[in-house]
Amino acid sequence: MYGDLGLKLVQHAKRTQALTHLPPYQTEMVRAVTQEIRDLDKDALQILQPFEGSFNPSEQPATACNILVDHLCMRRNKRCLLAYHRVRSDKLEEMVWNGTDVLEKDSTQHGAAQTRTDLSETLSETRNQNSLSPEEEEYVRQYSDMLAAYKGQWTDIDLTGSLEPPKDLFIDVRVLKDAGEIQTEYG
């Protein structure tokens, strides 16, 4: 049935949002959805071929309906692919902002001196390394470089801190440089 594989990709993306690690890239499923899109496009072109550009939907509503269904299935599959890749890219960006080295190679050569937590971190990193497609690896490299350049401008400020404003009425502010007395509109 049209769209079943796209639905599986969306369900996989939904499960990915709740995980702390990135599951393996669904290469075969993505290829199958892409092939389905190509097949639907060929079907639509084959249906339109006898008309040679002079198709009037009101004269042949059955043909118009067939083309419409093919077109809507193609659009749905494309949206499913975009949603799947968007969730993965958001997860990768979140991991880079949190300081997780997504591209770090497997470091199991350190031997038995690793503690249980070190081993679980290593396994998690190995899982991430094996779960990325080559395009995702390149994206993470470029995004990490861009983020490092962005953070490099403000070396004294931690940009990875919480973005939530404080709820207390009075807060302590630590300053990096003394700017003297500052007067705000509220005093």
N, C-alpha and C. Protein backbone atom coordinates (compact mmCIF):
# COMPACT_ATOMS: atom_id res chain seq x y z
N MET A 1 0.84 -1.18 0.00
CA MET A 1 0.00 0.00 0.00
C MET A 1 0.88 1.24 0.00
N TYR A 2 0.44 2.26 -0.71
CA TYR A 2 1.21 3.50 -0.78
C TYR A 2 1.33 4.14 0.60
N GLY A 3 2.53 4.57 0.94
CA GLY A 3 2.74 5.32 2.16
C GLY A 3 3.03 4.49 3.40
N ASP A 4 2.99 3.16 3.32
CA ASP A 4 3.24 2.34 4.50
C ASP A 4 4.67 2.51 5.01
N LEU A 5 5.63 2.52 4.09
CA LEU A 5 7.03 2.68 4.51
C LEU A 5 7.28 4.08 5.05
N GLY A 6 6.62 5.08 4.47
CA GLY A 6 6.74 6.44 4.99
C GLY A 6 6.21 6.52 6.41
N LEU A 7 5.11 5.82 6.67
CA LEU A 7 4.55 5.79 8.02
C LEU A 7 5.52 5.13 9.00
N LYS A 8 6.19 4.07 8.56
CA LYS A 8 7.17 3.41 9.42
C LYS A 8 8.33 4.36 9.75
N LEU A 9 8.75 5.16 8.76
CA LEU A 9 9.82 6.14 9.02
C LEU A 9 9.37 7.17 10.05
N VAL A 10 8.15 7.64 9.93
CA VAL A 10 7.65 8.64 10.88
C VAL A 10 7.55 8.03 12.28
N GLN A 11 7.10 6.79 12.38
CA GLN A 11 7.04 6.13 13.68
C GLN A 11 8.43 5.96 14.27
N HIS A 12 9.38 5.63 13.43
CA HIS A 12 10.77 5.49 13.89
C HIS A 12 11.29 6.84 14.39
N ALA A 13 10.96 7.92 13.67
CA ALA A 13 11.39 9.25 14.09
C ALA A 13 10.75 9.63 15.43
N LYS A 14 9.49 9.27 15.61
CA LYS A 14 8.80 9.57 16.86
C LYS A 14 9.47 8.85 18.04
N ARG A 15 9.87 7.60 17.84
CA ARG A 15 10.57 6.86 18.90
C ARG A 15 11.95 7.48 19.16
N THR A 16 12.59 8.00 18.13
CA THR A 16 13.92 8.58 18.26
C THR A 16 13.91 9.79 19.17
N GLN A 17 12.84 10.56 19.18
CA GLN A 17 12.78 11.77 19.99
C GLN A 17 12.92 11.48 21.47
N ALA A 18 12.47 10.34 21.93
CA ALA A 18 12.52 10.03 23.36
C ALA A 18 13.82 9.37 23.79
N LEU A 19 14.67 9.00 22.85
CA LEU A 19 15.90 8.29 23.19
C LEU A 19 17.04 9.26 23.49
N THR A 20 18.02 8.78 24.27
CA THR A 20 19.20 9.60 24.55
C THR A 20 20.27 9.42 23.48
N HIS A 21 20.22 8.32 22.75
CA HIS A 21 21.18 8.07 21.69
C HIS A 21 20.45 8.08 20.35
N LEU A 22 21.21 8.04 19.30
CA LEU A 22 20.63 8.06 17.96
C LEU A 22 20.63 6.65 17.40
N PRO A 23 19.45 6.10 17.10
CA PRO A 23 19.41 4.74 16.55
C PRO A 23 19.99 4.70 15.14
N PRO A 24 20.28 3.51 14.63
CA PRO A 24 20.88 3.41 13.29
C PRO A 24 20.00 4.03 12.21
N TYR A 25 20.67 4.60 11.23
CA TYR A 25 19.99 5.21 10.09
C TYR A 25 19.29 4.12 9.28
N GLN A 26 18.06 4.35 8.92
CA GLN A 26 17.25 3.37 8.20
C GLN A 26 17.48 3.50 6.69
N THR A 27 18.66 3.08 6.24
CA THR A 27 19.06 3.25 4.85
C THR A 27 18.11 2.54 3.89
N GLU A 28 17.83 1.29 4.17
CA GLU A 28 16.98 0.51 3.27
C GLU A 28 15.57 1.07 3.19
N MET A 29 15.04 1.49 4.32
CA MET A 29 13.69 2.03 4.32
C MET A 29 13.63 3.36 3.57
N VAL A 30 14.66 4.20 3.75
CA VAL A 30 14.71 5.48 3.03
C VAL A 30 14.82 5.23 1.53
N ARG A 31 15.64 4.26 1.14
CA ARG A 31 15.76 3.93 -0.28
C ARG A 31 14.44 3.41 -0.84
N ALA A 32 13.74 2.60 -0.06
CA ALA A 32 12.47 2.04 -0.53
C ALA A 32 11.42 3.15 -0.71
N VAL A 33 11.37 4.10 0.23
CA VAL A 33 10.43 5.21 0.10
C VAL A 33 10.78 6.07 -1.11
N THR A 34 12.07 6.31 -1.31
CA THR A 34 12.51 7.09 -2.48
C THR A 34 12.16 6.37 -3.77
N GLN A 35 12.34 5.07 -3.80
CA GLN A 35 11.98 4.29 -4.99
C GLN A 35 10.47 4.34 -5.23
N GLU A 36 9.70 4.29 -4.16
CA GLU A 36 8.25 4.38 -4.30
C GLU A 36 7.85 5.73 -4.90
N ILE A 37 8.51 6.79 -4.49
CA ILE A 37 8.24 8.11 -5.05
C ILE A 37 8.55 8.13 -6.55
N ARG A 38 9.69 7.55 -6.91
CA ARG A 38 10.06 7.50 -8.34
C ARG A 38 9.04 6.68 -9.14
N ASP A 39 8.61 5.56 -8.58
CA ASP A 39 7.63 4.72 -9.27
C ASP A 39 6.30 5.45 -9.46
N LEU A 40 5.88 6.17 -8.44
CA LEU A 40 4.64 6.94 -8.56
C LEU A 40 4.76 8.04 -9.61
N ASP A 41 5.93 8.66 -9.65
CA ASP A 41 6.16 9.70 -10.66
C ASP A 41 6.12 9.10 -12.07
N LYS A 42 6.75 7.94 -12.24
CA LYS A 42 6.71 7.26 -13.55
C LYS A 42 5.27 6.90 -13.93
N ASP A 43 4.51 6.43 -12.96
CA ASP A 43 3.11 6.09 -13.23
C ASP A 43 2.32 7.32 -13.68
N ALA A 44 2.52 8.43 -12.99
CA ALA A 44 1.80 9.65 -13.35
C ALA A 44 2.20 10.13 -14.74
N LEU A 45 3.49 10.06 -15.05
CA LEU A 45 3.94 10.48 -16.38
C LEU A 45 3.43 9.53 -17.46
N GLN A 46 3.36 8.26 -17.15
CA GLN A 46 2.86 7.28 -18.11
C GLN A 46 1.37 7.48 -18.38
N ILE A 47 0.64 7.86 -17.36
CA ILE A 47 -0.79 8.14 -17.54
C ILE A 47 -0.99 9.38 -18.41
N LEU A 48 -0.14 10.38 -18.22
CA LEU A 48 -0.27 11.63 -18.97
C LEU A 48 0.34 11.58 -20.37
N GLN A 49 1.14 10.59 -20.65
CA GLN A 49 1.85 10.52 -21.92
C GLN A 49 0.92 10.52 -23.15
N PRO A 50 -0.17 9.80 -23.18
CA PRO A 50 -1.02 9.81 -24.37
C PRO A 50 -1.68 11.16 -24.66
N PHE A 51 -1.77 12.01 -23.65
CA PHE A 51 -2.46 13.29 -23.84
C PHE A 51 -1.57 14.37 -24.45
N GLU A 52 -0.28 14.19 -24.42
CA GLU A 52 0.70 15.10 -25.02
C GLU A 52 0.48 16.55 -24.59
N GLY A 53 0.26 16.76 -23.31
CA GLY A 53 0.16 18.11 -22.77
C GLY A 53 -1.20 18.75 -22.88
N SER A 54 -2.19 18.07 -23.41
CA SER A 54 -3.52 18.67 -23.56
C SER A 54 -4.55 17.93 -22.70
N PHE A 55 -4.22 17.66 -21.47
CA PHE A 55 -5.12 16.93 -20.58
C PHE A 55 -6.10 17.89 -19.93
N ASN A 56 -7.38 17.57 -20.01
CA ASN A 56 -8.43 18.35 -19.36
C ASN A 56 -9.08 17.46 -18.30
N PRO A 57 -8.89 17.78 -17.01
CA PRO A 57 -9.41 16.92 -15.94
C PRO A 57 -10.93 16.78 -15.95
N SER A 58 -11.65 17.79 -16.41
CA SER A 58 -13.11 17.71 -16.39
C SER A 58 -13.65 16.73 -17.42
N GLU A 59 -12.87 16.46 -18.47
CA GLU A 59 -13.31 15.51 -19.49
C GLU A 59 -13.09 14.06 -19.06
N GLN A 60 -12.03 13.83 -18.29
CA GLN A 60 -11.71 12.47 -17.84
C GLN A 60 -11.44 12.50 -16.33
N PRO A 61 -12.49 12.50 -15.52
CA PRO A 61 -12.29 12.60 -14.07
C PRO A 61 -11.61 11.38 -13.46
N ALA A 62 -11.78 10.20 -14.04
CA ALA A 62 -11.13 9.01 -13.49
C ALA A 62 -9.61 9.11 -13.62
N THR A 63 -9.16 9.58 -14.77
CA THR A 63 -7.72 9.76 -14.98
C THR A 63 -7.19 10.85 -14.07
N ALA A 64 -7.95 11.93 -13.93
CA ALA A 64 -7.54 13.02 -13.04
C ALA A 64 -7.44 12.54 -11.60
N CYS A 65 -8.38 11.70 -11.19
CA CYS A 65 -8.36 11.16 -9.83
C CYS A 65 -7.13 10.27 -9.62
N ASN A 66 -6.81 9.46 -10.62
CA ASN A 66 -5.65 8.58 -10.54
C ASN A 66 -4.36 9.40 -10.41
N ILE A 67 -4.25 10.45 -11.21
CA ILE A 67 -3.05 11.31 -11.15
C ILE A 67 -3.00 12.02 -9.80
N LEU A 68 -4.15 12.47 -9.31
CA LEU A 68 -4.19 13.16 -8.02
C LEU A 68 -3.74 12.24 -6.88
N VAL A 69 -4.21 11.01 -6.89
CA VAL A 69 -3.81 10.05 -5.85
C VAL A 69 -2.30 9.80 -5.90
N ASP A 70 -1.78 9.62 -7.12
CA ASP A 70 -0.32 9.42 -7.25
C ASP A 70 0.43 10.63 -6.72
N HIS A 71 -0.04 11.81 -7.08
CA HIS A 71 0.64 13.04 -6.65
C HIS A 71 0.58 13.21 -5.13
N LEU A 72 -0.58 12.96 -4.53
CA LEU A 72 -0.71 13.08 -3.08
C LEU A 72 0.14 12.05 -2.34
N CYS A 73 0.25 10.85 -2.89
CA CYS A 73 1.10 9.83 -2.28
C CYS A 73 2.57 10.23 -2.35
N MET A 74 2.96 10.82 -3.49
CA MET A 74 4.34 11.30 -3.61
C MET A 74 4.62 12.40 -2.58
N ARG A 75 3.71 13.35 -2.46
CA ARG A 75 3.89 14.44 -1.49
C ARG A 75 3.95 13.91 -0.07
N ARG A 76 3.10 12.95 0.27
CA ARG A 76 3.11 12.40 1.61
C ARG A 76 4.42 11.69 1.91
N ASN A 77 4.90 10.91 0.96
CA ASN A 77 6.17 10.22 1.17
C ASN A 77 7.32 11.21 1.32
N LYS A 78 7.30 12.27 0.54
CA LYS A 78 8.36 13.29 0.66
C LYS A 78 8.30 13.95 2.04
N ARG A 79 7.11 14.25 2.50
CA ARG A 79 6.97 14.86 3.83
C ARG A 79 7.43 13.90 4.93
N CYS A 80 7.16 12.62 4.77
CA CYS A 80 7.63 11.62 5.74
C CYS A 80 9.16 11.57 5.76
N LEU A 81 9.77 11.59 4.59
CA LEU A 81 11.23 11.60 4.52
C LEU A 81 11.80 12.86 5.17
N LEU A 82 11.19 14.00 4.89
CA LEU A 82 11.66 15.25 5.48
C LEU A 82 11.50 15.24 7.00
N ALA A 83 10.41 14.70 7.49
CA ALA A 83 10.19 14.64 8.94
C ALA A 83 11.23 13.72 9.59
N TYR A 84 11.49 12.58 8.99
CA TYR A 84 12.48 11.65 9.53
C TYR A 84 13.86 12.30 9.60
N HIS A 85 14.26 12.96 8.52
CA HIS A 85 15.58 13.58 8.50
C HIS A 85 15.64 14.80 9.41
N ARG A 86 14.54 15.51 9.57
CA ARG A 86 14.52 16.66 10.47
C ARG A 86 14.71 16.22 11.92
N VAL A 87 14.04 15.16 12.33
CA VAL A 87 14.19 14.65 13.70
C VAL A 87 15.63 14.23 13.94
N ARG A 88 16.22 13.55 12.98
CA ARG A 88 17.61 13.10 13.14
C ARG A 88 18.57 14.29 13.20
N SER A 89 18.37 15.28 12.36
CA SER A 89 19.27 16.43 12.38
C SER A 89 19.10 17.23 13.67
N ASP A 90 17.86 17.36 14.17
CA ASP A 90 17.65 18.04 15.44
C ASP A 90 18.34 17.31 16.58
N LYS A 91 18.26 15.98 16.55
CA LYS A 91 18.91 15.17 17.59
C LYS A 91 20.43 15.34 17.54
N LEU A 92 20.97 15.36 16.32
CA LEU A 92 22.42 15.55 16.16
C LEU A 92 22.84 16.93 16.65
N GLU A 93 22.07 17.96 16.31
CA GLU A 93 22.39 19.31 16.76
C GLU A 93 22.34 19.41 18.28
N GLU A 94 21.35 18.77 18.87
CA GLU A 94 21.23 18.77 20.33
C GLU A 94 22.45 18.10 20.96
N MET A 95 22.89 17.00 20.38
CA MET A 95 24.05 16.29 20.92
C MET A 95 25.31 17.14 20.79
N VAL A 96 25.46 17.86 19.69
CA VAL A 96 26.63 18.72 19.50
C VAL A 96 26.59 19.87 20.49
N TRP A 97 25.43 20.49 20.70
CA TRP A 97 25.32 21.59 21.66
C TRP A 97 25.59 21.12 23.08
N ASN A 98 25.21 19.88 23.40
CA ASN A 98 25.46 19.35 24.74
C ASN A 98 26.91 18.92 24.95
N GLY A 99 27.71 18.99 23.91
CA GLY A 99 29.12 18.66 24.03
C GLY A 99 29.44 17.20 23.79
N THR A 100 28.50 16.42 23.32
CA THR A 100 28.75 15.03 23.01
C THR A 100 29.54 14.95 21.71
N ASP A 101 30.66 14.23 21.74
CA ASP A 101 31.45 14.07 20.53
C ASP A 101 30.84 12.94 19.72
N VAL A 102 30.00 13.29 18.79
CA VAL A 102 29.24 12.30 18.03
C VAL A 102 30.14 11.50 17.10
N LEU A 103 31.20 12.12 16.62
CA LEU A 103 32.06 11.47 15.63
C LEU A 103 33.23 10.73 16.24
N GLU A 104 33.30 10.69 17.58
CA GLU A 104 34.44 10.04 18.23
C GLU A 104 34.49 8.56 17.87
N LYS A 105 35.67 8.09 17.55
CA LYS A 105 35.84 6.69 17.15
C LYS A 105 35.78 5.77 18.36
N ASP A 106 35.58 4.51 18.10
CA ASP A 106 35.50 3.49 19.16
C ASP A 106 36.83 3.41 19.89
N SER A 107 36.77 3.56 21.20
CA SER A 107 38.00 3.57 21.99
C SER A 107 38.06 2.37 22.93
N THR A 108 37.70 1.21 22.42
CA THR A 108 37.73 0.01 23.26
C THR A 108 39.13 -0.55 23.40
N GLN A 109 40.12 0.08 22.77
CA GLN A 109 41.49 -0.43 22.84
C GLN A 109 42.15 -0.07 24.17
N HIS A 110 41.46 0.69 25.04
CA HIS A 110 42.05 1.08 26.30
C HIS A 110 42.14 -0.07 27.27
N GLY A 111 41.52 -1.19 26.95
CA GLY A 111 41.68 -2.38 27.78
C GLY A 111 40.68 -2.47 28.91
N ALA A 112 41.01 -3.30 29.87
CA ALA A 112 40.09 -3.58 30.97
C ALA A 112 40.14 -2.53 32.07
N ALA A 113 40.91 -1.47 31.89
CA ALA A 113 41.02 -0.45 32.91
C ALA A 113 39.80 0.47 32.96
N GLN A 114 38.87 0.29 32.06
CA GLN A 114 37.69 1.16 32.04
C GLN A 114 36.71 0.74 33.13
N THR A 115 36.08 1.74 33.71
CA THR A 115 35.03 1.43 34.68
C THR A 115 33.74 1.14 33.95
N ARG A 116 32.74 0.74 34.69
CA ARG A 116 31.46 0.40 34.07
C ARG A 116 30.85 1.61 33.37
N THR A 117 30.94 2.80 33.98
CA THR A 117 30.37 4.00 33.35
C THR A 117 31.15 4.36 32.10
N ASP A 118 32.48 4.23 32.14
CA ASP A 118 33.28 4.50 30.95
C ASP A 118 32.89 3.55 29.83
N LEU A 119 32.67 2.30 30.16
CA LEU A 119 32.31 1.32 29.15
C LEU A 119 30.94 1.64 28.54
N SER A 120 30.00 2.05 29.38
CA SER A 120 28.68 2.39 28.85
C SER A 120 28.75 3.63 27.98
N GLU A 121 29.60 4.59 28.34
CA GLU A 121 29.78 5.78 27.49
C GLU A 121 30.41 5.38 26.17
N THR A 122 31.39 4.48 26.21
CA THR A 122 32.04 4.03 24.99
C THR A 122 31.06 3.31 24.10
N LEU A 123 30.21 2.44 24.68
CA LEU A 123 29.22 1.74 23.89
C LEU A 123 28.21 2.70 23.28
N SER A 124 27.85 3.73 24.04
CA SER A 124 26.92 4.73 23.51
C SER A 124 27.55 5.48 22.35
N GLU A 125 28.82 5.83 22.48
CA GLU A 125 29.51 6.53 21.39
C GLU A 125 29.66 5.62 20.18
N THR A 126 29.94 4.33 20.41
CA THR A 126 30.04 3.39 19.30
C THR A 126 28.70 3.28 18.60
N ARG A 127 27.62 3.23 19.38
CA ARG A 127 26.29 3.16 18.81
C ARG A 127 26.03 4.38 17.93
N ASN A 128 26.45 5.57 18.40
CA ASN A 128 26.25 6.78 17.61
C ASN A 128 27.09 6.74 16.34
N GLN A 129 28.33 6.27 16.46
CA GLN A 129 29.22 6.23 15.31
C GLN A 129 28.65 5.32 14.23
N ASN A 130 28.13 4.17 14.62
CA ASN A 130 27.59 3.23 13.65
C ASN A 130 26.22 3.66 13.15
N SER A 131 25.57 4.58 13.83
CA SER A 131 24.21 4.92 13.47
C SER A 131 24.11 6.07 12.48
N LEU A 132 25.21 6.70 12.15
CA LEU A 132 25.17 7.85 11.25
C LEU A 132 25.41 7.44 9.80
N SER A 133 24.69 8.07 8.92
CA SER A 133 24.96 7.90 7.50
C SER A 133 26.16 8.79 7.15
N PRO A 134 26.83 8.56 6.02
CA PRO A 134 27.96 9.42 5.65
C PRO A 134 27.57 10.89 5.52
N GLU A 135 26.36 11.15 5.04
CA GLU A 135 25.90 12.53 4.92
C GLU A 135 25.72 13.16 6.30
N GLU A 136 25.21 12.37 7.25
CA GLU A 136 25.04 12.88 8.60
C GLU A 136 26.39 13.15 9.26
N GLU A 137 27.37 12.29 9.01
CA GLU A 137 28.71 12.52 9.55
C GLU A 137 29.27 13.85 9.04
N GLU A 138 29.11 14.10 7.75
CA GLU A 138 29.59 15.36 7.18
C GLU A 138 28.82 16.55 7.76
N TYR A 139 27.52 16.39 7.94
CA TYR A 139 26.71 17.45 8.53
C TYR A 139 27.18 17.77 9.94
N VAL A 140 27.46 16.73 10.73
CA VAL A 140 27.91 16.94 12.11
C VAL A 140 29.27 17.62 12.12
N ARG A 141 30.16 17.22 11.22
CA ARG A 141 31.48 17.88 11.15
C ARG A 141 31.32 19.37 10.86
N GLN A 142 30.55 19.69 9.85
CA GLN A 142 30.37 21.10 9.48
C GLN A 142 29.63 21.88 10.57
N TYR A 143 28.63 21.27 11.18
CA TYR A 143 27.89 21.94 12.24
C TYR A 143 28.78 22.16 13.46
N SER A 144 29.61 21.19 13.79
CA SER A 144 30.54 21.34 14.91
C SER A 144 31.54 22.46 14.65
N ASP A 145 32.05 22.52 13.43
CA ASP A 145 32.98 23.60 13.07
C ASP A 145 32.31 24.96 13.16
N MET A 146 31.08 25.05 12.66
CA MET A 146 30.34 26.30 12.71
C MET A 146 30.06 26.71 14.15
N LEU A 147 29.68 25.75 14.98
CA LEU A 147 29.39 26.04 16.38
C LEU A 147 30.65 26.46 17.13
N ALA A 148 31.77 25.81 16.82
CA ALA A 148 33.03 26.19 17.46
C ALA A 148 33.42 27.61 17.07
N ALA A 149 33.22 27.97 15.82
CA ALA A 149 33.53 29.34 15.38
C ALA A 149 32.60 30.34 16.06
N TYR A 150 31.34 29.97 16.22
CA TYR A 150 30.37 30.85 16.89
C TYR A 150 30.72 31.03 18.36
N LYS A 151 31.03 29.93 19.02
CA LYS A 151 31.38 30.00 20.44
C LYS A 151 32.73 30.68 20.65
N GLY A 152 33.60 30.57 19.66
CA GLY A 152 34.93 31.15 19.79
C GLY A 152 34.93 32.66 19.90
N GLN A 153 33.88 33.30 19.41
CA GLN A 153 33.80 34.75 19.49
C GLN A 153 33.62 35.21 20.93
N TRP A 154 32.94 34.42 21.74
CA TRP A 154 32.67 34.78 23.12
C TRP A 154 33.24 33.70 24.04
N THR A 155 34.54 33.71 24.21
CA THR A 155 35.18 32.66 25.00
C THR A 155 34.88 32.77 26.48
N ASP A 156 34.50 33.96 26.97
CA ASP A 156 34.24 34.14 28.39
C ASP A 156 32.81 33.76 28.79
N ILE A 157 31.95 33.55 27.81
CA ILE A 157 30.54 33.29 28.09
C ILE A 157 30.21 31.84 27.74
N ASP A 158 29.48 31.19 28.64
CA ASP A 158 29.03 29.82 28.38
C ASP A 158 27.71 29.88 27.62
N LEU A 159 27.76 29.62 26.32
CA LEU A 159 26.56 29.69 25.48
C LEU A 159 25.69 28.45 25.59
N THR A 160 26.20 27.42 26.23
CA THR A 160 25.43 26.18 26.34
C THR A 160 24.57 26.15 27.60
N GLY A 161 24.52 27.24 28.35
CA GLY A 161 23.73 27.28 29.57
C GLY A 161 22.25 27.25 29.29
N SER A 162 21.48 27.21 30.35
CA SER A 162 20.03 27.13 30.23
C SER A 162 19.47 28.42 29.66
N LEU A 163 18.47 28.28 28.82
CA LEU A 163 17.82 29.44 28.23
C LEU A 163 16.57 29.86 29.00
N GLU A 164 16.26 29.12 30.04
CA GLU A 164 15.09 29.43 30.86
C GLU A 164 15.41 30.61 31.78
N PRO A 165 14.55 31.63 31.81
CA PRO A 165 14.80 32.76 32.71
C PRO A 165 14.55 32.35 34.16
N PRO A 166 15.22 33.01 35.09
CA PRO A 166 15.01 32.67 36.51
C PRO A 166 13.60 33.06 36.96
N LYS A 167 13.07 32.32 37.91
CA LYS A 167 11.72 32.58 38.42
C LYS A 167 11.76 33.42 39.70
N ASP A 168 12.93 33.55 40.32
CA ASP A 168 13.06 34.33 41.55
C ASP A 168 12.99 35.82 41.25
N LEU A 169 12.50 36.58 42.25
CA LEU A 169 12.44 38.03 42.07
C LEU A 169 13.82 38.67 42.16
N PHE A 170 14.65 38.15 43.05
CA PHE A 170 16.00 38.68 43.21
C PHE A 170 16.99 37.58 42.86
N ILE A 171 17.92 37.93 42.00
CA ILE A 171 18.94 36.96 41.59
C ILE A 171 20.31 37.59 41.75
N ASP A 172 21.31 36.76 41.93
CA ASP A 172 22.69 37.22 41.98
C ASP A 172 23.25 37.15 40.57
N VAL A 173 23.92 38.22 40.17
CA VAL A 173 24.51 38.28 38.85
C VAL A 173 26.02 38.32 39.01
N ARG A 174 26.70 37.38 38.37
CA ARG A 174 28.16 37.38 38.37
C ARG A 174 28.61 38.05 37.08
N VAL A 175 29.47 39.02 37.22
CA VAL A 175 29.94 39.75 36.04
C VAL A 175 31.36 39.35 35.72
N LEU A 176 31.72 39.49 34.46
CA LEU A 176 33.07 39.17 34.03
C LEU A 176 33.97 40.40 34.11
N LYS A 177 33.42 41.57 33.85
CA LYS A 177 34.16 42.83 33.94
C LYS A 177 33.34 43.83 34.74
N ASP A 178 34.00 44.64 35.51
CA ASP A 178 33.31 45.67 36.27
C ASP A 178 33.01 46.83 35.34
N ALA A 179 31.74 47.12 35.15
CA ALA A 179 31.33 48.22 34.28
C ALA A 179 30.88 49.43 35.09
N GLY A 180 31.08 49.39 36.38
CA GLY A 180 30.66 50.49 37.21
C GLY A 180 29.19 50.35 37.58
N GLU A 181 28.57 51.45 37.96
CA GLU A 181 27.19 51.44 38.34
C GLU A 181 26.31 51.57 37.09
N ILE A 182 25.32 50.70 36.98
CA ILE A 182 24.43 50.69 35.83
C ILE A 182 23.04 51.06 36.31
N GLN A 183 22.41 52.00 35.63
CA GLN A 183 21.06 52.44 35.99
C GLN A 183 20.09 51.93 34.93
N THR A 184 19.11 51.13 35.36
CA THR A 184 18.07 50.65 34.43
C THR A 184 16.83 51.50 34.60
N GLU A 185 15.83 51.30 33.81
CA GLU A 185 14.61 52.10 33.89
C GLU A 185 13.84 51.81 35.15
N TYR A 186 14.10 50.70 35.81
CA TYR A 186 13.42 50.36 37.05
C TYR A 186 14.27 50.65 38.29
N GLY A 187 15.40 51.27 38.11
CA GLY A 187 16.23 51.66 39.24
C GLY A 187 17.43 50.83 39.47
